[in-house]
């Protein structure tokens, strides 16, 4: 870890509020202090960096954008192809624990543009629609004409768009949520009662928990300075989400710091806001066979009736544990649901 980062961490100006230990108001002050102390003294990024570097990375040229991907090939040339699509505030590391469980498949894990481990993003316009096109072009370059997509959060939205635009290529979908922006255009009068109730719960969630979305989507420049110049601010912003959206004890201290440090060393917290800033065009409905995995600690688990308004839900799988980062939290269950989708796609 750089001397400059250690110096920043050691010189952190502690900021307190009347609610510093109220975890419902954000990350707790004492907890953050412990994380920062470990980050400054004892945490070894080099160990994790070397492990990450050992992934089978490739860079695929797609027009004017280079897409970096983890490309884990099966020993069987004819094995099915699975594409794993991460979200925010994470990276390809979301799928680290799933990769060994899918060794018999061809697996591609793109580092989505703007996120850690991706090529630097310097120009505007990197919407989820554009990302979907870049991923499709990269898969074509890799020689894959048929594949199953798996993901959630931003990655789930990319998967929905890609499936709608390339139904001949996408054999099946495995999702952990429905694209949130569907809620803005759906006709409530055509929904089942439990789906309408879900929309009401979702709206309440946005009022009480969605402030980060408003800031990232409307004032990314301001927020990028606050988080990109302060490792303490970056840790507070990201760790709060990692912990509150997952099962208790889903991450060790060093695992949290690794996910945060990936943003720090790559300087990508600001560019990771691109998918919140840029306009999105969603398909009204997708007919691709879909497995929807529902994990209880995810932020807004959808009932089947709501998901069926937009997706061809062939299997709706309720899990007993896990949250927003299910591939990390419950890798065996996640991998099993991927295989359900692969089977659906033939």
Protein backbone atom coordinates (compact mmCIF):
# COMPACT_ATOMS: atom_id res chain seq x y z
CA UNK A 1 0.00 0.00 0.00
CA UNK A 2 1.32 3.46 -0.86
CA UNK A 3 2.88 5.73 1.74
CA UNK A 4 0.59 8.50 0.49
CA UNK A 5 -2.56 6.51 1.30
CA UNK A 6 -1.24 5.54 4.71
CA UNK A 7 -0.50 9.17 5.47
CA UNK A 8 -4.00 10.23 4.43
CA UNK A 9 -5.52 7.55 6.64
CA UNK A 10 -3.40 8.47 9.65
CA UNK A 11 -4.29 12.13 9.24
CA UNK A 12 -8.03 11.51 8.90
CA UNK A 13 -10.01 14.24 10.57
CA UNK A 14 -12.58 12.45 12.71
CA UNK A 15 -16.06 13.83 12.14
CA UNK A 16 -18.76 13.20 14.72
CA UNK A 17 -22.49 13.84 14.73
CA UNK A 18 -25.13 13.46 17.45
CA UNK A 19 -25.99 10.12 15.77
CA UNK A 20 -22.43 8.77 15.29
CA UNK A 21 -23.24 5.35 16.76
CA UNK A 22 -26.75 5.03 15.27
CA UNK A 23 -26.25 2.57 12.41
CA UNK A 24 -29.65 3.52 10.97
CA UNK A 25 -28.11 6.93 10.19
CA UNK A 26 -25.13 5.53 8.30
CA UNK A 27 -21.90 3.85 9.24
CA UNK A 28 -21.07 3.93 12.95
CA UNK A 29 -18.19 6.16 14.02
CA UNK A 30 -16.44 3.55 16.12
CA UNK A 31 -16.76 0.94 13.38
CA UNK A 32 -15.34 3.34 10.80
CA UNK A 33 -12.43 4.17 13.11
CA UNK A 34 -11.61 0.47 13.40
CA UNK A 35 -11.71 0.03 9.62
CA UNK A 36 -9.47 3.03 9.02
CA UNK A 37 -6.96 1.92 11.63
CA UNK A 38 -6.72 -1.50 10.00
CA UNK A 39 -6.44 0.06 6.53
CA UNK A 40 -3.57 2.27 7.68
CA UNK A 41 -1.69 -0.37 9.68
CA UNK A 42 -1.90 -4.10 9.07
CA UNK A 43 -3.94 -4.38 5.89
CA UNK A 44 -1.82 -5.71 3.01
CA UNK A 45 -3.26 -4.76 -0.37
CA UNK A 46 -0.38 -6.49 -2.12
CA UNK A 47 -1.63 -9.92 -1.06
CA UNK A 48 -5.05 -9.25 -2.55
CA UNK A 49 -3.68 -7.49 -5.62
CA UNK A 50 -1.56 -10.51 -6.49
CA UNK A 51 -4.56 -12.83 -6.11
CA UNK A 52 -6.69 -10.59 -8.34
CA UNK A 53 -3.90 -10.36 -10.93
CA UNK A 54 -3.90 -14.15 -11.15
CA UNK A 55 -7.43 -14.23 -12.57
CA UNK A 56 -7.39 -15.12 -16.29
CA UNK A 57 -7.69 -11.54 -17.51
CA UNK A 58 -8.10 -10.57 -21.15
CA UNK A 59 -8.64 -7.25 -22.89
CA UNK A 60 -11.13 -7.26 -25.75
CA UNK A 61 -11.19 -4.41 -28.25
CA UNK A 62 -14.74 -3.32 -29.10
CA UNK A 63 -14.61 -0.27 -31.33
CA UNK A 64 -13.29 2.66 -29.29
CA UNK A 65 -13.64 0.88 -25.94
CA UNK A 66 -11.38 -1.80 -24.50
CA UNK A 67 -13.29 -4.17 -22.24
CA UNK A 68 -11.28 -6.02 -19.61
CA UNK A 69 -12.76 -9.38 -18.71
CA UNK A 70 -11.97 -12.39 -16.59
CA UNK A 71 -12.18 -15.26 -19.07
CA UNK A 72 -12.27 -18.66 -17.37
CA UNK A 73 -12.34 -21.34 -20.03
CA UNK A 74 -13.66 -24.84 -19.56
CA UNK A 75 -11.59 -27.83 -20.61
CA UNK A 76 -14.57 -28.77 -22.79
CA UNK A 77 -14.60 -26.51 -25.89
CA UNK A 78 -18.34 -27.14 -26.31
CA UNK A 79 -19.31 -26.22 -22.75
CA UNK A 80 -22.08 -23.66 -22.19
CA UNK A 81 -21.10 -20.03 -21.80
CA UNK A 82 -22.07 -17.93 -18.78
CA UNK A 83 -21.56 -14.17 -18.46
CA UNK A 84 -21.51 -12.72 -14.93
CA UNK A 85 -22.42 -9.04 -14.62
CA UNK A 86 -21.66 -7.14 -11.41
CA UNK A 87 -23.24 -4.01 -9.99
CA UNK A 88 -22.53 -1.07 -7.66
CA UNK A 89 -20.74 -0.54 -5.29
CA UNK A 90 -18.71 -3.61 -6.16
CA UNK A 91 -16.77 -5.05 -9.07
CA UNK A 92 -15.79 -8.40 -10.57
CA UNK A 93 -14.86 -9.38 -7.00
CA UNK A 94 -18.56 -10.04 -6.41
CA UNK A 95 -18.07 -13.31 -8.32
CA UNK A 96 -14.73 -14.42 -6.90
CA UNK A 97 -16.27 -17.24 -4.84
CA UNK A 98 -18.49 -18.46 -7.69
CA UNK A 99 -15.76 -18.89 -10.28
CA UNK A 100 -14.32 -22.14 -8.83
CA UNK A 101 -17.82 -23.62 -8.78
CA UNK A 102 -18.26 -23.08 -12.53
CA UNK A 103 -15.03 -24.63 -13.78
CA UNK A 104 -16.91 -26.87 -16.23
CA UNK A 105 -18.39 -23.85 -18.02
CA UNK A 106 -16.89 -21.06 -20.08
CA UNK A 107 -17.26 -18.01 -17.82
CA UNK A 108 -16.79 -14.36 -18.79
CA UNK A 109 -16.83 -11.66 -16.10
CA UNK A 110 -16.58 -8.15 -17.60
CA UNK A 111 -15.19 -5.32 -15.52
CA UNK A 112 -17.97 -2.93 -16.49
CA UNK A 113 -16.77 0.42 -17.89
CA UNK A 114 -16.26 2.98 -15.15
CA UNK A 115 -15.75 0.40 -12.41
CA UNK A 116 -12.61 -1.01 -10.77
CA UNK A 117 -10.28 -3.04 -13.01
CA UNK A 118 -11.82 -1.56 -16.19
CA UNK A 119 -10.03 0.63 -18.70
CA UNK A 120 -10.22 4.32 -17.63
CA UNK A 121 -13.48 6.06 -18.51
CA UNK A 122 -12.93 9.64 -19.66
CA UNK A 123 -15.93 10.50 -21.85
CA UNK A 124 -19.65 10.87 -21.03
CA UNK A 125 -22.36 8.65 -22.48
CA UNK A 126 -21.56 5.33 -20.78
CA UNK A 127 -25.15 4.32 -20.15
CA UNK A 128 -26.27 0.78 -19.34
CA UNK A 129 -27.56 0.58 -22.92
CA UNK A 130 -24.11 1.35 -24.27
CA UNK A 131 -22.51 -1.08 -21.83
CA UNK A 132 -24.86 -3.81 -23.06
CA UNK A 133 -23.68 -3.17 -26.61
CA UNK A 134 -20.02 -3.25 -25.56
CA UNK A 135 -20.48 -6.55 -23.73
CA UNK A 136 -22.28 -8.06 -26.72
CA UNK A 137 -19.48 -6.96 -29.05
CA UNK A 138 -16.82 -8.36 -26.69
CA UNK A 139 -18.54 -11.73 -26.50
CA UNK A 140 -18.68 -11.80 -30.28
CA UNK A 141 -14.94 -11.06 -30.39
CA UNK A 142 -14.34 -13.95 -27.98
CA UNK A 143 -16.23 -16.25 -30.35
CA UNK A 144 -19.35 -16.75 -28.24
CA UNK A 145 -22.59 -16.58 -30.17
CA UNK A 146 -24.88 -18.07 -27.49
CA UNK A 147 -24.73 -17.59 -23.72
CA UNK A 148 -26.55 -17.27 -20.43
CA UNK A 149 -26.40 -13.95 -18.58
CA UNK A 150 -26.33 -13.73 -14.80
CA UNK A 151 -26.34 -10.62 -12.64
CA UNK A 152 -28.06 -8.10 -10.45
CA UNK A 153 -28.13 -4.37 -9.75
CA UNK A 154 -26.49 -2.52 -12.69
CA UNK A 155 -25.44 -5.87 -14.15
CA UNK A 156 -29.02 -7.12 -14.07
CA UNK A 157 -30.20 -4.09 -16.03
CA UNK A 158 -27.41 -4.65 -18.57
CA UNK A 159 -28.53 -8.28 -18.86
CA UNK A 160 -32.16 -7.33 -19.50
CA UNK A 161 -31.19 -4.87 -22.25
CA UNK A 162 -28.78 -7.31 -23.86
CA UNK A 163 -31.41 -10.06 -23.87
CA UNK A 164 -33.98 -7.75 -25.46
CA UNK A 165 -31.59 -6.50 -28.13
CA UNK A 166 -30.01 -9.90 -28.91
CA UNK A 167 -32.63 -12.61 -28.34
CA UNK A 168 -30.79 -14.85 -30.78
CA UNK A 169 -27.67 -14.78 -28.58
CA UNK A 170 -29.03 -14.81 -25.03
CA UNK A 171 -30.22 -18.33 -24.24
CA UNK A 172 -31.42 -17.57 -20.72
CA UNK A 173 -31.26 -15.05 -17.90
CA UNK A 174 -30.41 -15.50 -14.25
CA UNK A 175 -31.25 -12.37 -12.24
CA UNK A 176 -31.36 -11.39 -8.59
CA UNK A 177 -33.64 -8.42 -9.19
CA UNK A 178 -35.79 -6.71 -11.77
CA UNK A 179 -34.43 -3.49 -13.26
CA UNK A 180 -35.63 -0.78 -10.83
CA UNK A 181 -36.59 1.72 -13.53
CA UNK A 182 -39.46 -0.51 -14.68
CA UNK A 183 -41.37 0.89 -11.71
CA UNK A 184 -41.50 4.30 -13.38
CA UNK A 185 -43.49 3.15 -16.41
CA UNK A 186 -45.53 0.15 -15.26
CA UNK A 187 -49.35 0.39 -15.34
CA UNK A 188 -50.35 -0.32 -11.73
CA UNK A 189 -53.92 -1.12 -12.78
CA UNK A 190 -52.66 -4.22 -14.59
CA UNK A 191 -50.69 -5.60 -11.65
CA UNK A 192 -51.70 -8.19 -9.07
CA UNK A 193 -52.39 -6.87 -5.55
CA UNK A 194 -49.07 -8.13 -4.15
CA UNK A 195 -47.24 -6.45 -7.01
CA UNK A 196 -48.94 -3.14 -6.25
CA UNK A 197 -48.04 -3.58 -2.59
CA UNK A 198 -44.43 -4.18 -3.66
CA UNK A 199 -44.40 -0.87 -5.56
CA UNK A 200 -45.60 0.91 -2.43
CA UNK A 201 -42.86 -0.74 -0.35
CA UNK A 202 -40.30 0.12 -3.00
CA UNK A 203 -41.37 3.76 -3.00
CA UNK A 204 -40.97 3.85 0.77
CA UNK A 205 -37.51 2.34 0.42
CA UNK A 206 -36.50 5.09 -1.99
CA UNK A 207 -37.74 7.74 0.44
CA UNK A 208 -35.81 6.34 3.40
CA UNK A 209 -32.80 4.61 1.80
CA UNK A 210 -32.39 6.00 -1.71
CA UNK A 211 -30.67 9.30 -1.02
CA UNK A 212 -27.41 8.00 -2.47
CA UNK A 213 -29.17 7.44 -5.81
CA UNK A 214 -30.35 11.05 -5.95
CA UNK A 215 -26.87 12.38 -5.23
CA UNK A 216 -25.00 10.01 -7.59
CA UNK A 217 -27.41 10.64 -10.45
CA UNK A 218 -27.71 14.43 -10.17
CA UNK A 219 -24.45 15.74 -8.62
CA UNK A 220 -21.77 13.16 -9.53
CA UNK A 221 -19.00 15.77 -9.83
CA UNK A 222 -19.51 17.08 -6.32
CA UNK A 223 -19.72 13.64 -4.75
CA UNK A 224 -16.75 12.34 -6.72
CA UNK A 225 -14.51 14.99 -5.14
CA UNK A 226 -15.72 14.20 -1.63
CA UNK A 227 -15.14 10.46 -2.01
CA UNK A 228 -12.23 10.43 -4.44
CA UNK A 229 -10.06 12.66 -2.26
CA UNK A 230 -10.88 11.07 1.11
CA UNK A 231 -10.27 7.39 1.82
CA UNK A 232 -12.33 7.77 5.00
CA UNK A 233 -15.24 9.19 3.01
CA UNK A 234 -14.94 6.45 0.39
CA UNK A 235 -14.92 3.73 3.04
CA UNK A 236 -17.93 5.22 4.83
CA UNK A 237 -19.92 5.50 1.58
CA UNK A 238 -19.20 1.98 0.32
CA UNK A 239 -18.99 -0.05 3.53
CA UNK A 240 -22.37 1.20 4.73
CA UNK A 241 -23.92 -0.35 1.62
CA UNK A 242 -21.88 -3.56 1.70
CA UNK A 243 -22.94 -4.25 5.28
CA UNK A 244 -26.53 -3.03 5.27
CA UNK A 245 -27.41 -4.85 2.04
CA UNK A 246 -25.98 -8.23 3.04
CA UNK A 247 -26.25 -10.89 5.70
CA UNK A 248 -24.52 -10.17 8.98
CA UNK A 249 -20.84 -11.13 8.88
CA UNK A 250 -20.85 -11.53 5.10
CA UNK A 251 -17.51 -9.69 4.96
CA UNK A 252 -14.42 -9.75 7.12
CA UNK A 253 -12.67 -6.44 7.76
CA UNK A 254 -9.99 -7.19 5.17
CA UNK A 255 -12.61 -8.22 2.60
CA UNK A 256 -14.42 -4.91 3.09
CA UNK A 257 -11.16 -3.04 2.72
CA UNK A 258 -10.26 -4.95 -0.45
CA UNK A 259 -13.53 -4.01 -2.12
CA UNK A 260 -13.07 -0.38 -1.04
CA UNK A 261 -9.39 -0.26 -1.94
CA UNK A 262 -10.21 -1.49 -5.45
CA UNK A 263 -12.09 1.80 -5.93
CA UNK A 264 -9.34 3.85 -4.31
CA UNK A 265 -6.37 2.55 -6.30
CA UNK A 266 -8.30 2.70 -9.58
CA UNK A 267 -9.82 6.13 -8.87
CA UNK A 268 -13.16 4.93 -10.19
CA UNK A 269 -15.72 6.02 -7.61
CA UNK A 270 -16.73 9.00 -9.76
CA UNK A 271 -16.88 7.08 -13.03
CA UNK A 272 -18.89 4.30 -11.36
CA UNK A 273 -21.73 6.84 -11.14
CA UNK A 274 -22.07 6.88 -14.94
CA UNK A 275 -24.85 4.30 -15.02
CA UNK A 276 -26.82 6.46 -12.56
CA UNK A 277 -26.27 9.66 -14.55
CA UNK A 278 -26.78 8.57 -18.16
CA UNK A 279 -30.34 8.01 -19.47
CA UNK A 280 -31.63 4.45 -19.74
CA UNK A 281 -34.03 2.88 -22.23
CA UNK A 282 -35.57 -0.34 -20.97
CA UNK A 283 -37.54 -2.90 -22.96
CA UNK A 284 -41.20 -3.23 -22.02
CA UNK A 285 -40.93 -6.98 -21.79
CA UNK A 286 -38.31 -9.69 -22.29
CA UNK A 287 -39.30 -13.18 -23.43
CA UNK A 288 -35.97 -14.86 -22.67
CA UNK A 289 -36.41 -17.77 -20.21
CA UNK A 290 -35.49 -16.40 -16.79
CA UNK A 291 -34.55 -17.69 -13.35
CA UNK A 292 -35.13 -15.09 -10.64
CA UNK A 293 -33.22 -15.72 -7.41
CA UNK A 294 -34.67 -13.94 -4.40
CA UNK A 295 -32.41 -13.43 -1.39
CA UNK A 296 -34.05 -12.17 1.81
CA UNK A 297 -31.49 -9.49 2.74
CA UNK A 298 -31.51 -7.90 -0.71
CA UNK A 299 -32.74 -4.32 -0.74
CA UNK A 300 -36.10 -4.73 -2.52
CA UNK A 301 -36.95 -8.40 -3.21
CA UNK A 302 -39.73 -8.57 -5.80
CA UNK A 303 -42.73 -10.90 -5.69
CA UNK A 304 -43.13 -13.21 -8.64
CA UNK A 305 -46.22 -11.42 -9.92
CA UNK A 306 -44.32 -8.17 -10.28
CA UNK A 307 -41.35 -9.78 -12.05
CA UNK A 308 -43.69 -11.54 -14.47
CA UNK A 309 -44.93 -8.17 -15.72
CA UNK A 310 -41.56 -7.70 -17.44
CA UNK A 311 -39.82 -11.07 -17.60
CA UNK A 312 -40.53 -14.63 -18.69
CA UNK A 313 -40.09 -16.11 -15.21
CA UNK A 314 -39.67 -19.86 -15.58
CA UNK A 315 -38.25 -20.42 -12.11
CA UNK A 316 -38.65 -18.20 -9.04
CA UNK A 317 -36.27 -19.38 -6.33
CA UNK A 318 -36.67 -18.17 -2.74
CA UNK A 319 -33.52 -18.49 -0.65
CA UNK A 320 -33.26 -18.53 3.12
CA UNK A 321 -30.08 -16.45 3.42
CA UNK A 322 -28.09 -13.92 1.43
CA UNK A 323 -28.54 -10.40 0.21
CA UNK A 324 -27.56 -7.96 -2.52
CA UNK A 325 -24.13 -9.56 -3.04
CA UNK A 326 -25.50 -13.09 -3.15
CA UNK A 327 -22.77 -14.48 -5.41
CA UNK A 328 -20.30 -13.58 -2.66
CA UNK A 329 -22.52 -14.39 0.31
CA UNK A 330 -24.08 -17.64 -0.93
CA UNK A 331 -21.89 -18.84 -3.81
CA UNK A 332 -23.14 -22.44 -3.83
CA UNK A 333 -26.79 -21.37 -4.03
CA UNK A 334 -25.95 -18.76 -6.64
CA UNK A 335 -24.05 -21.24 -8.79
CA UNK A 336 -26.92 -23.73 -8.55
CA UNK A 337 -29.34 -21.11 -9.86
CA UNK A 338 -26.98 -20.28 -12.72
CA UNK A 339 -27.12 -23.93 -13.67
CA UNK A 340 -30.92 -23.79 -13.58
CA UNK A 341 -30.76 -20.99 -16.14
CA UNK A 342 -28.21 -22.80 -18.30
CA UNK A 343 -30.54 -25.79 -18.37
CA UNK A 344 -33.47 -23.56 -19.36
CA UNK A 345 -31.45 -22.20 -22.26
CA UNK A 346 -30.74 -25.67 -23.56
